[in-house]
Amino acid sequence: MGLRINDIVPDFTAKTDQGEINFHDWIGDSWAILFSHPKDFTPVCTTEFGAVAQLSAEWEKRGVKVIGLSTDPVEEHGPWKKDIEAFSGAPAGFPIIGDTDLAVSKLYDMLPADAYLDENATAADAASVRALFIISPDKKLQLSMLYPMSVGRNFAEVLRALDGVQKTYGKPLATPANWTVGQDVIAALSLSDEQAAEKFGDVDIKLPYLRFVKA
């Protein structure tokens, strides 16, 4: 079974282009995003890593550490980063795991369905390893996304989803469809109208079960 929301994400030790890490220790007290790719020097992955590099100030502003994963060895990550930086015009300062034995990919259930038919699957079988996990400081999974090879990730949506997760983390709130920062949010049904007003101020009651507040 794959990882579920609120699962404590598996810990692991792995080599990166910035040295060996223990994942939970690396996260520390921060938020974290782990995003994976099947192979270095590939077109879609290069554009995506470039997008992550361009957003470095946004990750920092939100207290988020980002770490990539590729099934190629760490020795190839450095030369690939030069391509990423040349394409994106931004430094790629985040580490990239070298998951050559697919240990992390299997641990996080990232592989395509047919790869699990062979217990001896290698990186050559990992064409669809393109996952993203948003992890809170308590090491719990808050959100995950899986993409096929043919569709590049929308990192504006990743950032929006991260904002929503952080906005509602540990609070009786939810974000409505297409929510962006600055817009009203939804008071949880666990709160009465009076409790919502006491906690958040004015309550805009659209329906008995749909109540917007500013928070």
C-alpha atoms as a PDB file:
ATOM      1  CA  MET A   1       0.000   0.000   0.000  1.00  0.00           C
ATOM      2  CA  GLY A   2       1.263   3.459  -0.873  1.00  0.00           C
ATOM      3  CA  LEU A   3       1.794   6.284   1.550  1.00  0.00           C
ATOM      4  CA  ARG A   4      -1.357   7.846   2.953  1.00  0.00           C
ATOM      5  CA  ILE A   5      -2.032  11.348   4.199  1.00  0.00           C
ATOM      6  CA  ASN A   6      -0.813  11.704   7.814  1.00  0.00           C
ATOM      7  CA  ASP A   7       1.501   8.697   7.571  1.00  0.00           C
ATOM      8  CA  ILE A   8       4.944   9.358   9.004  1.00  0.00           C
ATOM      9  CA  VAL A   9       7.079   9.163   5.887  1.00  0.00           C
ATOM     10  CA  PRO A  10       9.696   6.422   5.825  1.00  0.00           C
ATOM     11  CA  ASP A  11      13.151   7.408   6.956  1.00  0.00           C
ATOM     12  CA  PHE A  12      16.153   6.429   4.847  1.00  0.00           C
ATOM     13  CA  THR A  13      19.844   7.071   4.351  1.00  0.00           C
ATOM     14  CA  ALA A  14      20.940   7.942   0.826  1.00  0.00           C
ATOM     15  CA  LYS A  15      23.754   9.462  -1.193  1.00  0.00           C
ATOM     16  CA  THR A  16      23.169  12.871  -2.750  1.00  0.00           C
ATOM     17  CA  ASP A  17      25.364  15.173  -4.788  1.00  0.00           C
ATOM     18  CA  GLN A  18      25.837  17.125  -1.541  1.00  0.00           C
ATOM     19  CA  GLY A  19      26.835  14.134   0.568  1.00  0.00           C
ATOM     20  CA  GLU A  20      25.047  11.366   2.442  1.00  0.00           C
ATOM     21  CA  ILE A  21      21.867  12.252   4.306  1.00  0.00           C
ATOM     22  CA  ASN A  22      19.497  10.708   6.796  1.00  0.00           C
ATOM     23  CA  PHE A  23      16.147  11.943   5.528  1.00  0.00           C
ATOM     24  CA  HIS A  24      14.402  12.675   8.833  1.00  0.00           C
ATOM     25  CA  ASP A  25      17.511  14.394  10.185  1.00  0.00           C
ATOM     26  CA  TRP A  26      17.799  16.389   6.946  1.00  0.00           C
ATOM     27  CA  ILE A  27      14.195  17.602   7.286  1.00  0.00           C
ATOM     28  CA  GLY A  28      14.804  18.675  10.877  1.00  0.00           C
ATOM     29  CA  ASP A  29      12.129  21.155  11.983  1.00  0.00           C
ATOM     30  CA  SER A  30      11.349  22.330   8.443  1.00  0.00           C
ATOM     31  CA  TRP A  31       8.730  21.556   5.884  1.00  0.00           C
ATOM     32  CA  ALA A  32      10.082  19.450   3.033  1.00  0.00           C
ATOM     33  CA  ILE A  33       9.315  18.547  -0.560  1.00  0.00           C
ATOM     34  CA  LEU A  34      10.708  15.360  -2.074  1.00  0.00           C
ATOM     35  CA  PHE A  35      10.280  15.261  -5.843  1.00  0.00           C
ATOM     36  CA  SER A  36      11.484  12.442  -8.033  1.00  0.00           C
ATOM     37  CA  HIS A  37      12.497  11.866 -11.633  1.00  0.00           C
ATOM     38  CA  PRO A  38      13.543   8.769 -13.546  1.00  0.00           C
ATOM     39  CA  LYS A  39      16.765   9.960 -15.147  1.00  0.00           C
ATOM     40  CA  ASP A  40      19.242  12.805 -15.523  1.00  0.00           C
ATOM     41  CA  PHE A  41      19.641  14.649 -18.841  1.00  0.00           C
ATOM     42  CA  THR A  42      16.016  14.163 -19.867  1.00  0.00           C
ATOM     43  CA  PRO A  43      13.899  16.980 -21.338  1.00  0.00           C
ATOM     44  CA  VAL A  44      10.824  17.191 -19.068  1.00  0.00           C
ATOM     45  CA  CYS A  45      12.880  16.600 -15.928  1.00  0.00           C
ATOM     46  CA  THR A  46      15.302  19.365 -16.862  1.00  0.00           C
ATOM     47  CA  THR A  47      12.463  21.864 -17.219  1.00  0.00           C
ATOM     48  CA  GLU A  48      10.988  20.763 -13.893  1.00  0.00           C
ATOM     49  CA  PHE A  49      14.239  20.944 -11.954  1.00  0.00           C
ATOM     50  CA  GLY A  50      14.714  24.357 -13.551  1.00  0.00           C
ATOM     51  CA  ALA A  51      11.316  25.454 -12.252  1.00  0.00           C
ATOM     52  CA  VAL A  52      12.260  24.324  -8.749  1.00  0.00           C
ATOM     53  CA  ALA A  53      15.514  26.253  -8.969  1.00  0.00           C
ATOM     54  CA  GLN A  54      13.681  29.412 -10.060  1.00  0.00           C
ATOM     55  CA  LEU A  55      11.425  29.144  -7.000  1.00  0.00           C
ATOM     56  CA  SER A  56      14.253  28.981  -4.448  1.00  0.00           C
ATOM     57  CA  ALA A  57      13.213  32.254  -2.782  1.00  0.00           C
ATOM     58  CA  GLU A  58       9.616  31.013  -2.525  1.00  0.00           C
ATOM     59  CA  TRP A  59      10.668  27.767  -0.827  1.00  0.00           C
ATOM     60  CA  GLU A  60      12.853  29.677   1.607  1.00  0.00           C
ATOM     61  CA  LYS A  61      10.085  32.154   2.415  1.00  0.00           C
ATOM     62  CA  ARG A  62       7.811  29.243   3.377  1.00  0.00           C
ATOM     63  CA  GLY A  63      10.441  27.412   5.421  1.00  0.00           C
ATOM     64  CA  VAL A  64      10.593  24.519   2.960  1.00  0.00           C
ATOM     65  CA  LYS A  65      13.572  22.347   2.079  1.00  0.00           C
ATOM     66  CA  VAL A  66      13.444  20.727  -1.351  1.00  0.00           C
ATOM     67  CA  ILE A  67      15.280  17.601  -2.415  1.00  0.00           C
ATOM     68  CA  GLY A  68      15.237  15.844  -5.775  1.00  0.00           C
ATOM     69  CA  LEU A  69      15.614  12.183  -6.625  1.00  0.00           C
ATOM     70  CA  SER A  70      16.912  10.542  -9.768  1.00  0.00           C
ATOM     71  CA  THR A  71      17.702   6.918 -10.437  1.00  0.00           C
ATOM     72  CA  ASP A  72      21.059   7.919 -11.945  1.00  0.00           C
ATOM     73  CA  PRO A  73      24.225   7.979  -9.788  1.00  0.00           C
ATOM     74  CA  VAL A  74      25.183  11.138  -7.909  1.00  0.00           C
ATOM     75  CA  GLU A  75      28.254  11.576 -10.116  1.00  0.00           C
ATOM     76  CA  GLU A  76      25.949  12.524 -12.977  1.00  0.00           C
ATOM     77  CA  HIS A  77      23.923  15.064 -10.995  1.00  0.00           C
ATOM     78  CA  GLY A  78      26.632  17.738 -11.008  1.00  0.00           C
ATOM     79  CA  PRO A  79      26.992  17.899 -14.803  1.00  0.00           C
ATOM     80  CA  TRP A  80      23.199  17.742 -15.170  1.00  0.00           C
ATOM     81  CA  LYS A  81      22.792  20.656 -12.768  1.00  0.00           C
ATOM     82  CA  LYS A  82      24.897  22.763 -15.138  1.00  0.00           C
ATOM     83  CA  ASP A  83      22.305  22.111 -17.854  1.00  0.00           C
ATOM     84  CA  ILE A  84      19.470  22.872 -15.417  1.00  0.00           C
ATOM     85  CA  GLU A  85      21.063  26.159 -14.436  1.00  0.00           C
ATOM     86  CA  ALA A  86      21.833  27.117 -18.028  1.00  0.00           C
ATOM     87  CA  PHE A  87      18.228  26.449 -19.038  1.00  0.00           C
ATOM     88  CA  SER A  88      16.539  28.079 -16.032  1.00  0.00           C
ATOM     89  CA  GLY A  89      18.952  30.909 -15.336  1.00  0.00           C
ATOM     90  CA  ALA A  90      18.847  30.017 -11.629  1.00  0.00           C
ATOM     91  CA  PRO A  91      21.228  28.130  -9.324  1.00  0.00           C
ATOM     92  CA  ALA A  92      20.110  24.604  -8.463  1.00  0.00           C
ATOM     93  CA  GLY A  93      21.228  24.604  -4.842  1.00  0.00           C
ATOM     94  CA  PHE A  94      19.070  21.725  -3.650  1.00  0.00           C
ATOM     95  CA  PRO A  95      20.465  18.181  -3.238  1.00  0.00           C
ATOM     96  CA  ILE A  96      19.572  15.315  -5.581  1.00  0.00           C
ATOM     97  CA  ILE A  97      19.452  11.730  -4.345  1.00  0.00           C
ATOM     98  CA  GLY A  98      21.085   9.051  -6.476  1.00  0.00           C
ATOM     99  CA  ASP A  99      18.568   6.204  -6.189  1.00  0.00           C
ATOM    100  CA  THR A 100      20.366   3.732  -8.438  1.00  0.00           C
ATOM    101  CA  ASP A 101      19.036   0.680  -6.605  1.00  0.00           C
ATOM    102  CA  LEU A 102      15.477   2.080  -6.466  1.00  0.00           C
ATOM    103  CA  ALA A 103      15.506   1.702  -2.677  1.00  0.00           C
ATOM    104  CA  VAL A 104      13.808   5.046  -2.034  1.00  0.00           C
ATOM    105  CA  SER A 105      11.536   4.717  -5.064  1.00  0.00           C
ATOM    106  CA  LYS A 106      10.240   1.399  -3.746  1.00  0.00           C
ATOM    107  CA  LEU A 107      10.054   2.639  -0.157  1.00  0.00           C
ATOM    108  CA  TYR A 108       7.814   5.519  -1.255  1.00  0.00           C
ATOM    109  CA  ASP A 109       5.858   3.402  -3.775  1.00  0.00           C
ATOM    110  CA  MET A 110       6.804   5.613  -6.735  1.00  0.00           C
ATOM    111  CA  LEU A 111       7.182   2.963  -9.424  1.00  0.00           C
ATOM    112  CA  PRO A 112       4.653   2.291 -12.200  1.00  0.00           C
ATOM    113  CA  ALA A 113       2.409  -0.719 -11.735  1.00  0.00           C
ATOM    114  CA  ASP A 114       4.209  -2.988 -14.176  1.00  0.00           C
ATOM    115  CA  ALA A 115       7.563  -2.486 -12.430  1.00  0.00           C
ATOM    116  CA  TYR A 116       6.261  -4.386  -9.398  1.00  0.00           C
ATOM    117  CA  LEU A 117       5.801  -7.500 -11.513  1.00  0.00           C
ATOM    118  CA  ASP A 118       9.559  -7.980 -11.314  1.00  0.00           C
ATOM    119  CA  GLU A 119      11.152  -7.987  -7.869  1.00  0.00           C
ATOM    120  CA  ASN A 120      14.502  -7.393  -9.568  1.00  0.00           C
ATOM    121  CA  ALA A 121      13.382  -4.187 -11.267  1.00  0.00           C
ATOM    122  CA  THR A 122      16.193  -1.737 -11.929  1.00  0.00           C
ATOM    123  CA  ALA A 123      16.386   1.931 -12.848  1.00  0.00           C
ATOM    124  CA  ALA A 124      15.683   0.913 -16.441  1.00  0.00           C
ATOM    125  CA  ASP A 125      12.167  -0.061 -15.304  1.00  0.00           C
ATOM    126  CA  ALA A 126      11.512   3.242 -13.550  1.00  0.00           C
ATOM    127  CA  ALA A 127      10.204   5.326 -16.430  1.00  0.00           C
ATOM    128  CA  SER A 128       7.305   6.701 -14.413  1.00  0.00           C
ATOM    129  CA  VAL A 129       9.124   7.629 -11.215  1.00  0.00           C
ATOM    130  CA  ARG A 130       7.711  11.168 -11.133  1.00  0.00           C
ATOM    131  CA  ALA A 131       6.228  11.776  -7.715  1.00  0.00           C
ATOM    132  CA  LEU A 132       6.092  14.729  -5.328  1.00  0.00           C
ATOM    133  CA  PHE A 133       5.535  14.651  -1.579  1.00  0.00           C
ATOM    134  CA  ILE A 134       4.874  17.594   0.752  1.00  0.00           C
ATOM    135  CA  ILE A 135       5.984  16.699   4.280  1.00  0.00           C
ATOM    136  CA  SER A 136       5.307  18.666   7.462  1.00  0.00           C
ATOM    137  CA  PRO A 137       7.879  19.216  10.247  1.00  0.00           C
ATOM    138  CA  ASP A 138       6.426  16.286  12.216  1.00  0.00           C
ATOM    139  CA  LYS A 139       7.544  14.086   9.281  1.00  0.00           C
ATOM    140  CA  LYS A 140       3.976  13.335   8.195  1.00  0.00           C
ATOM    141  CA  LEU A 141       2.809  13.258   4.595  1.00  0.00           C
ATOM    142  CA  GLN A 142       0.477  16.168   3.909  1.00  0.00           C
ATOM    143  CA  LEU A 143       0.061  15.919   0.121  1.00  0.00           C
ATOM    144  CA  SER A 144       1.295  13.790  -2.769  1.00  0.00           C
ATOM    145  CA  MET A 145       1.171  14.091  -6.545  1.00  0.00           C
ATOM    146  CA  LEU A 146       1.949  11.536  -9.257  1.00  0.00           C
ATOM    147  CA  TYR A 147       2.573  12.510 -12.867  1.00  0.00           C
ATOM    148  CA  PRO A 148       3.098  10.423 -16.012  1.00  0.00           C
ATOM    149  CA  MET A 149       6.145  10.828 -18.213  1.00  0.00           C
ATOM    150  CA  SER A 150       4.306  12.881 -20.811  1.00  0.00           C
ATOM    151  CA  VAL A 151       2.997  15.686 -18.570  1.00  0.00           C
ATOM    152  CA  GLY A 152       5.268  18.281 -17.009  1.00  0.00           C
ATOM    153  CA  ARG A 153       4.414  19.275 -13.462  1.00  0.00           C
ATOM    154  CA  ASN A 154       2.797  22.632 -12.781  1.00  0.00           C
ATOM    155  CA  PHE A 155       4.942  24.092 -10.012  1.00  0.00           C
ATOM    156  CA  ALA A 156       2.618  27.057  -9.650  1.00  0.00           C
ATOM    157  CA  GLU A 157       0.057  24.481  -8.505  1.00  0.00           C
ATOM    158  CA  VAL A 158       2.626  22.821  -6.229  1.00  0.00           C
ATOM    159  CA  LEU A 159       3.263  26.213  -4.630  1.00  0.00           C
ATOM    160  CA  ARG A 160      -0.477  26.919  -4.351  1.00  0.00           C
ATOM    161  CA  ALA A 161      -1.096  23.515  -2.773  1.00  0.00           C
ATOM    162  CA  LEU A 162       1.791  24.069  -0.358  1.00  0.00           C
ATOM    163  CA  ASP A 163       0.294  27.420   0.647  1.00  0.00           C
ATOM    164  CA  GLY A 164      -3.057  25.725   1.248  1.00  0.00           C
ATOM    165  CA  VAL A 165      -1.510  22.957   3.324  1.00  0.00           C
ATOM    166  CA  GLN A 166       0.441  25.423   5.433  1.00  0.00           C
ATOM    167  CA  LYS A 167      -2.580  27.711   5.811  1.00  0.00           C
ATOM    168  CA  THR A 168      -4.773  24.936   7.199  1.00  0.00           C
ATOM    169  CA  TYR A 169      -2.116  22.887   9.038  1.00  0.00           C
ATOM    170  CA  GLY A 170      -3.344  22.163  12.564  1.00  0.00           C
ATOM    171  CA  LYS A 171      -6.290  24.555  12.189  1.00  0.00           C
ATOM    172  CA  PRO A 172     -10.053  23.969  11.741  1.00  0.00           C
ATOM    173  CA  LEU A 173      -9.911  25.389   8.219  1.00  0.00           C
ATOM    174  CA  ALA A 174     -10.028  24.242   4.608  1.00  0.00           C
ATOM    175  CA  THR A 175      -9.413  26.010   1.319  1.00  0.00           C
ATOM    176  CA  PRO A 176     -12.086  26.158  -1.405  1.00  0.00           C
ATOM    177  CA  ALA A 177     -11.576  25.258  -5.045  1.00  0.00           C
ATOM    178  CA  ASN A 178      -8.962  27.359  -6.822  1.00  0.00           C
ATOM    179  CA  TRP A 179      -8.018  29.129  -3.583  1.00  0.00           C
ATOM    180  CA  THR A 180      -4.973  31.390  -3.605  1.00  0.00           C
ATOM    181  CA  VAL A 181      -3.234  33.306  -0.849  1.00  0.00           C
ATOM    182  CA  GLY A 182      -5.293  36.246   0.395  1.00  0.00           C
ATOM    183  CA  GLN A 183      -8.670  34.738  -0.368  1.00  0.00           C
ATOM    184  CA  ASP A 184     -11.171  33.643   2.278  1.00  0.00           C
ATOM    185  CA  VAL A 185     -11.049  30.101   3.602  1.00  0.00           C
ATOM    186  CA  ILE A 186     -13.700  27.694   4.881  1.00  0.00           C
ATOM    187  CA  ALA A 187     -14.466  27.128   8.556  1.00  0.00           C
ATOM    188  CA  ALA A 188     -14.471  23.444   9.457  1.00  0.00           C
ATOM    189  CA  LEU A 189     -17.777  21.753  10.243  1.00  0.00           C
ATOM    190  CA  SER A 190     -16.362  20.867  13.662  1.00  0.00           C
ATOM    191  CA  LEU A 191     -17.018  24.491  14.637  1.00  0.00           C
ATOM    192  CA  SER A 192     -20.453  25.940  15.290  1.00  0.00           C
ATOM    193  CA  ASP A 193     -21.267  29.326  13.776  1.00  0.00           C
ATOM    194  CA  GLU A 194     -20.601  30.906  17.159  1.00  0.00           C
ATOM    195  CA  GLN A 195     -17.280  29.119  17.596  1.00  0.00           C
ATOM    196  CA  ALA A 196     -16.203  30.088  14.082  1.00  0.00           C
ATOM    197  CA  ALA A 197     -17.051  33.730  14.761  1.00  0.00           C
ATOM    198  CA  GLU A 198     -15.236  33.679  18.089  1.00  0.00           C
ATOM    199  CA  LYS A 199     -12.150  32.170  16.501  1.00  0.00           C
ATOM    200  CA  PHE A 200     -12.001  33.966  13.158  1.00  0.00           C
ATOM    201  CA  GLY A 201     -14.306  36.986  13.323  1.00  0.00           C
ATOM    202  CA  ASP A 202     -17.001  37.602  10.725  1.00  0.00           C
ATOM    203  CA  VAL A 203     -18.495  34.464   9.184  1.00  0.00           C
ATOM    204  CA  ASP A 204     -19.929  34.605   5.663  1.00  0.00           C
ATOM    205  CA  ILE A 205     -22.547  31.853   5.636  1.00  0.00           C
ATOM    206  CA  LYS A 206     -23.219  30.744   2.055  1.00  0.00           C
ATOM    207  CA  LEU A 207     -24.927  27.494   3.076  1.00  0.00           C
ATOM    208  CA  PRO A 208     -25.391  25.926   6.509  1.00  0.00           C
ATOM    209  CA  TYR A 209     -22.337  23.776   5.831  1.00  0.00           C
ATOM    210  CA  LEU A 210     -20.339  26.295   3.740  1.00  0.00           C
ATOM    211  CA  ARG A 211     -19.016  29.199   5.761  1.00  0.00           C
ATOM    212  CA  PHE A 212     -16.207  31.503   4.703  1.00  0.00           C
ATOM    213  CA  VAL A 213     -13.910  33.335   7.102  1.00  0.00           C
ATOM    214  CA  LYS A 214     -10.813  35.482   6.872  1.00  0.00           C
ATOM    215  CA  ALA A 215      -7.847  33.823   8.506  1.00  0.00           C
END
